[in-house]
Amino acid sequence: MTIDKKQEGTKLVIALTGRLDTTTAPQLEAELKTAMEGITELEFDLKDLEYISSAGLRVLLSAQKVMNKQGKMVIHNANEDLMDIFDVTGFVDILTIE
């Protein structure tokens, strides 16, 4: 998985490419821990993400909990397969997906 971060002031955009699974989730988690301080707007661009596992969902949920306290989090460009996963797991009710 590739993580591409772009920060503009207090807005952070993270574009993910590949698979967010048990192997790659710790990498994203580590990136988020160092990058989220002072961020009020977090955006995930999932246009090039092919798959997300429960480990990946856990990382997104953790990020959402942090952002509930310090701003907002939005997910963009989730493909049909990812939307099915978000739907089945109930994450469509937890996350803001546009």
N, C-alpha and C. Protein backbone atom coordinates (compact mmCIF):
# COMPACT_ATOMS: atom_id res chain seq x y z
N MET A 1 0.84 -1.18 0.00
CA MET A 1 0.00 0.00 0.00
C MET A 1 0.89 1.24 0.00
N THR A 2 0.43 2.26 -0.71
CA THR A 2 1.14 3.54 -0.74
C THR A 2 0.29 4.60 -0.04
N ILE A 3 0.93 5.41 0.77
CA ILE A 3 0.24 6.49 1.48
C ILE A 3 0.80 7.81 0.97
N ASP A 4 -0.07 8.64 0.42
CA ASP A 4 0.35 9.95 -0.08
C ASP A 4 -0.35 11.01 0.76
N LYS A 5 0.46 11.78 1.52
CA LYS A 5 -0.11 12.80 2.41
C LYS A 5 0.13 14.19 1.84
N LYS A 6 -0.92 15.03 1.91
CA LYS A 6 -0.79 16.43 1.53
C LYS A 6 -1.44 17.26 2.61
N GLN A 7 -0.68 18.19 3.19
CA GLN A 7 -1.23 19.04 4.24
C GLN A 7 -1.27 20.48 3.77
N GLU A 8 -2.45 21.09 3.96
CA GLU A 8 -2.63 22.51 3.66
C GLU A 8 -3.19 23.15 4.92
N GLY A 9 -2.33 23.82 5.69
CA GLY A 9 -2.77 24.41 6.95
C GLY A 9 -3.20 23.32 7.91
N THR A 10 -4.48 23.37 8.34
CA THR A 10 -4.98 22.36 9.28
C THR A 10 -5.77 21.26 8.58
N LYS A 11 -5.69 21.22 7.24
CA LYS A 11 -6.36 20.17 6.46
C LYS A 11 -5.32 19.16 5.98
N LEU A 12 -5.63 17.89 6.19
CA LEU A 12 -4.74 16.81 5.76
C LEU A 12 -5.51 15.88 4.83
N VAL A 13 -4.95 15.66 3.64
CA VAL A 13 -5.54 14.73 2.68
C VAL A 13 -4.62 13.52 2.57
N ILE A 14 -5.19 12.35 2.76
CA ILE A 14 -4.41 11.11 2.66
C ILE A 14 -5.01 10.26 1.54
N ALA A 15 -4.20 10.02 0.51
CA ALA A 15 -4.62 9.17 -0.61
C ALA A 15 -3.97 7.80 -0.42
N LEU A 16 -4.80 6.77 -0.48
CA LEU A 16 -4.31 5.40 -0.29
C LEU A 16 -4.38 4.64 -1.60
N THR A 17 -3.34 3.89 -1.88
CA THR A 17 -3.28 3.07 -3.09
C THR A 17 -2.95 1.64 -2.70
N GLY A 18 -3.67 0.68 -3.27
CA GLY A 18 -3.38 -0.73 -3.00
C GLY A 18 -4.38 -1.36 -2.06
N ARG A 19 -3.87 -2.08 -1.05
CA ARG A 19 -4.71 -2.82 -0.12
C ARG A 19 -4.45 -2.36 1.31
N LEU A 20 -5.53 -2.05 2.02
CA LEU A 20 -5.43 -1.70 3.44
C LEU A 20 -5.89 -2.93 4.22
N ASP A 21 -4.91 -3.73 4.66
CA ASP A 21 -5.23 -4.99 5.32
C ASP A 21 -4.36 -5.17 6.57
N THR A 22 -4.33 -6.37 7.09
CA THR A 22 -3.59 -6.65 8.32
C THR A 22 -2.12 -6.29 8.21
N THR A 23 -1.56 -6.46 7.03
CA THR A 23 -0.14 -6.17 6.82
C THR A 23 0.14 -4.68 6.75
N THR A 24 -0.75 -3.91 6.11
CA THR A 24 -0.49 -2.49 5.85
C THR A 24 -1.16 -1.54 6.85
N ALA A 25 -2.15 -2.02 7.59
CA ALA A 25 -2.86 -1.16 8.55
C ALA A 25 -1.93 -0.52 9.59
N PRO A 26 -0.95 -1.27 10.15
CA PRO A 26 -0.06 -0.64 11.12
C PRO A 26 0.74 0.53 10.53
N GLN A 27 1.06 0.44 9.24
CA GLN A 27 1.79 1.51 8.57
C GLN A 27 0.93 2.79 8.54
N LEU A 28 -0.35 2.65 8.19
CA LEU A 28 -1.25 3.80 8.16
C LEU A 28 -1.46 4.34 9.57
N GLU A 29 -1.62 3.44 10.51
CA GLU A 29 -1.83 3.86 11.90
C GLU A 29 -0.65 4.70 12.41
N ALA A 30 0.56 4.26 12.09
CA ALA A 30 1.76 5.00 12.51
C ALA A 30 1.82 6.38 11.84
N GLU A 31 1.48 6.43 10.55
CA GLU A 31 1.46 7.71 9.83
C GLU A 31 0.46 8.67 10.46
N LEU A 32 -0.72 8.16 10.79
CA LEU A 32 -1.77 9.00 11.36
C LEU A 32 -1.37 9.55 12.73
N LYS A 33 -0.72 8.72 13.54
CA LYS A 33 -0.33 9.17 14.89
C LYS A 33 0.55 10.41 14.83
N THR A 34 1.46 10.43 13.88
CA THR A 34 2.38 11.57 13.78
C THR A 34 1.77 12.74 13.02
N ALA A 35 0.80 12.49 12.17
CA ALA A 35 0.30 13.54 11.27
C ALA A 35 -0.94 14.28 11.76
N MET A 36 -1.67 13.74 12.74
CA MET A 36 -2.98 14.29 13.07
C MET A 36 -2.97 15.43 14.08
N GLU A 37 -1.85 15.70 14.69
CA GLU A 37 -1.81 16.77 15.68
C GLU A 37 -2.07 18.12 15.00
N GLY A 38 -3.05 18.85 15.53
CA GLY A 38 -3.38 20.16 14.98
C GLY A 38 -4.25 20.14 13.74
N ILE A 39 -4.63 18.95 13.29
CA ILE A 39 -5.47 18.82 12.09
C ILE A 39 -6.93 18.98 12.48
N THR A 40 -7.67 19.82 11.75
CA THR A 40 -9.10 19.99 12.02
C THR A 40 -9.95 19.39 10.91
N GLU A 41 -9.33 19.06 9.78
CA GLU A 41 -10.05 18.46 8.67
C GLU A 41 -9.18 17.35 8.07
N LEU A 42 -9.68 16.11 8.16
CA LEU A 42 -8.96 14.95 7.64
C LEU A 42 -9.78 14.36 6.52
N GLU A 43 -9.14 14.17 5.37
CA GLU A 43 -9.83 13.62 4.21
C GLU A 43 -9.05 12.41 3.70
N PHE A 44 -9.77 11.32 3.49
CA PHE A 44 -9.17 10.13 2.89
C PHE A 44 -9.66 10.03 1.45
N ASP A 45 -8.73 9.91 0.51
CA ASP A 45 -9.07 9.69 -0.89
C ASP A 45 -8.80 8.22 -1.19
N LEU A 46 -9.87 7.46 -1.42
CA LEU A 46 -9.75 6.01 -1.61
C LEU A 46 -9.88 5.60 -3.07
N LYS A 47 -9.70 6.55 -3.97
CA LYS A 47 -9.87 6.28 -5.41
C LYS A 47 -9.06 5.07 -5.87
N ASP A 48 -7.83 4.92 -5.36
CA ASP A 48 -6.95 3.83 -5.80
C ASP A 48 -6.81 2.71 -4.77
N LEU A 49 -7.70 2.70 -3.77
CA LEU A 49 -7.67 1.62 -2.79
C LEU A 49 -8.51 0.46 -3.32
N GLU A 50 -7.91 -0.72 -3.39
CA GLU A 50 -8.58 -1.88 -3.98
C GLU A 50 -9.36 -2.69 -2.95
N TYR A 51 -8.89 -2.67 -1.70
CA TYR A 51 -9.46 -3.57 -0.69
C TYR A 51 -9.23 -3.00 0.69
N ILE A 52 -10.16 -3.24 1.59
CA ILE A 52 -9.98 -2.87 2.99
C ILE A 52 -10.46 -4.04 3.87
N SER A 53 -9.63 -4.41 4.84
CA SER A 53 -9.98 -5.52 5.75
C SER A 53 -10.47 -4.92 7.07
N SER A 54 -10.79 -5.80 8.01
CA SER A 54 -11.25 -5.34 9.32
C SER A 54 -10.15 -4.54 10.03
N ALA A 55 -8.90 -4.89 9.78
CA ALA A 55 -7.79 -4.13 10.38
C ALA A 55 -7.76 -2.71 9.83
N GLY A 56 -8.03 -2.56 8.55
CA GLY A 56 -8.09 -1.24 7.93
C GLY A 56 -9.27 -0.44 8.44
N LEU A 57 -10.41 -1.11 8.61
CA LEU A 57 -11.59 -0.44 9.15
C LEU A 57 -11.32 0.08 10.56
N ARG A 58 -10.58 -0.70 11.33
CA ARG A 58 -10.25 -0.30 12.70
C ARG A 58 -9.43 0.98 12.71
N VAL A 59 -8.48 1.10 11.77
CA VAL A 59 -7.65 2.30 11.69
C VAL A 59 -8.51 3.52 11.33
N LEU A 60 -9.45 3.33 10.38
CA LEU A 60 -10.34 4.44 10.01
C LEU A 60 -11.22 4.84 11.20
N LEU A 61 -11.70 3.85 11.95
CA LEU A 61 -12.53 4.13 13.11
C LEU A 61 -11.75 4.90 14.18
N SER A 62 -10.50 4.51 14.41
CA SER A 62 -9.65 5.22 15.37
C SER A 62 -9.45 6.67 14.94
N ALA A 63 -9.20 6.87 13.64
CA ALA A 63 -9.02 8.22 13.12
C ALA A 63 -10.30 9.04 13.30
N GLN A 64 -11.45 8.40 13.08
CA GLN A 64 -12.73 9.08 13.23
C GLN A 64 -12.93 9.53 14.68
N LYS A 65 -12.56 8.67 15.63
CA LYS A 65 -12.71 9.01 17.05
C LYS A 65 -11.86 10.22 17.41
N VAL A 66 -10.65 10.27 16.90
CA VAL A 66 -9.77 11.42 17.16
C VAL A 66 -10.36 12.67 16.53
N MET A 67 -10.83 12.55 15.30
CA MET A 67 -11.34 13.72 14.57
C MET A 67 -12.67 14.20 15.14
N ASN A 68 -13.42 13.33 15.81
CA ASN A 68 -14.65 13.76 16.48
C ASN A 68 -14.34 14.81 17.53
N LYS A 69 -13.14 14.75 18.12
CA LYS A 69 -12.74 15.68 19.16
C LYS A 69 -12.10 16.95 18.60
N GLN A 70 -11.47 16.84 17.42
CA GLN A 70 -10.70 17.98 16.94
C GLN A 70 -11.13 18.53 15.59
N GLY A 71 -12.17 17.98 14.99
CA GLY A 71 -12.61 18.50 13.69
C GLY A 71 -13.50 17.53 12.98
N LYS A 72 -13.28 17.37 11.67
CA LYS A 72 -14.12 16.45 10.89
C LYS A 72 -13.27 15.57 9.99
N MET A 73 -13.84 14.43 9.63
CA MET A 73 -13.18 13.48 8.75
C MET A 73 -14.15 13.08 7.65
N VAL A 74 -13.65 13.06 6.42
CA VAL A 74 -14.47 12.70 5.26
C VAL A 74 -13.73 11.68 4.41
N ILE A 75 -14.49 10.74 3.85
CA ILE A 75 -13.92 9.76 2.93
C ILE A 75 -14.47 10.03 1.54
N HIS A 76 -13.56 10.14 0.57
CA HIS A 76 -13.95 10.40 -0.82
C HIS A 76 -13.55 9.25 -1.73
N ASN A 77 -14.27 9.12 -2.83
CA ASN A 77 -13.92 8.24 -3.95
C ASN A 77 -13.84 6.75 -3.59
N ALA A 78 -14.66 6.29 -2.66
CA ALA A 78 -14.68 4.85 -2.36
C ALA A 78 -15.37 4.13 -3.52
N ASN A 79 -14.73 3.08 -4.03
CA ASN A 79 -15.33 2.34 -5.14
C ASN A 79 -16.48 1.45 -4.65
N GLU A 80 -17.12 0.80 -5.57
CA GLU A 80 -18.31 0.00 -5.25
C GLU A 80 -18.01 -1.12 -4.24
N ASP A 81 -16.86 -1.78 -4.41
CA ASP A 81 -16.48 -2.87 -3.50
C ASP A 81 -16.28 -2.34 -2.08
N LEU A 82 -15.58 -1.20 -1.96
CA LEU A 82 -15.37 -0.61 -0.64
C LEU A 82 -16.70 -0.17 -0.03
N MET A 83 -17.57 0.40 -0.84
CA MET A 83 -18.88 0.84 -0.34
C MET A 83 -19.68 -0.36 0.18
N ASP A 84 -19.57 -1.50 -0.50
CA ASP A 84 -20.25 -2.72 -0.02
C ASP A 84 -19.72 -3.10 1.36
N ILE A 85 -18.40 -3.02 1.55
CA ILE A 85 -17.80 -3.36 2.84
C ILE A 85 -18.27 -2.38 3.91
N PHE A 86 -18.25 -1.07 3.58
CA PHE A 86 -18.71 -0.06 4.53
C PHE A 86 -20.18 -0.28 4.89
N ASP A 87 -20.96 -0.68 3.91
CA ASP A 87 -22.40 -0.90 4.10
C ASP A 87 -22.66 -2.11 5.01
N VAL A 88 -22.04 -3.23 4.67
CA VAL A 88 -22.24 -4.48 5.41
C VAL A 88 -21.78 -4.35 6.86
N THR A 89 -20.69 -3.59 7.08
CA THR A 89 -20.15 -3.46 8.44
C THR A 89 -20.82 -2.36 9.25
N GLY A 90 -21.68 -1.58 8.60
CA GLY A 90 -22.35 -0.48 9.29
C GLY A 90 -21.51 0.79 9.36
N PHE A 91 -20.36 0.79 8.70
CA PHE A 91 -19.49 1.96 8.72
C PHE A 91 -20.09 3.15 7.97
N VAL A 92 -21.07 2.91 7.11
CA VAL A 92 -21.73 4.03 6.43
C VAL A 92 -22.44 4.93 7.43
N ASP A 93 -22.81 4.37 8.59
CA ASP A 93 -23.47 5.15 9.63
C ASP A 93 -22.49 5.85 10.56
N ILE A 94 -21.23 5.41 10.54
CA ILE A 94 -20.22 5.95 11.45
C ILE A 94 -19.35 7.00 10.75
N LEU A 95 -18.99 6.71 9.50
CA LEU A 95 -18.10 7.58 8.76
C LEU A 95 -18.88 8.50 7.82
N THR A 96 -18.29 9.65 7.49
CA THR A 96 -18.86 10.52 6.47
C THR A 96 -18.23 10.15 5.16
N ILE A 97 -19.05 9.56 4.26
CA ILE A 97 -18.54 9.08 2.97
C ILE A 97 -19.22 9.88 1.87
N GLU A 98 -18.43 10.55 1.05
CA GLU A 98 -18.99 11.37 -0.04
C GLU A 98 -18.55 10.84 -1.39
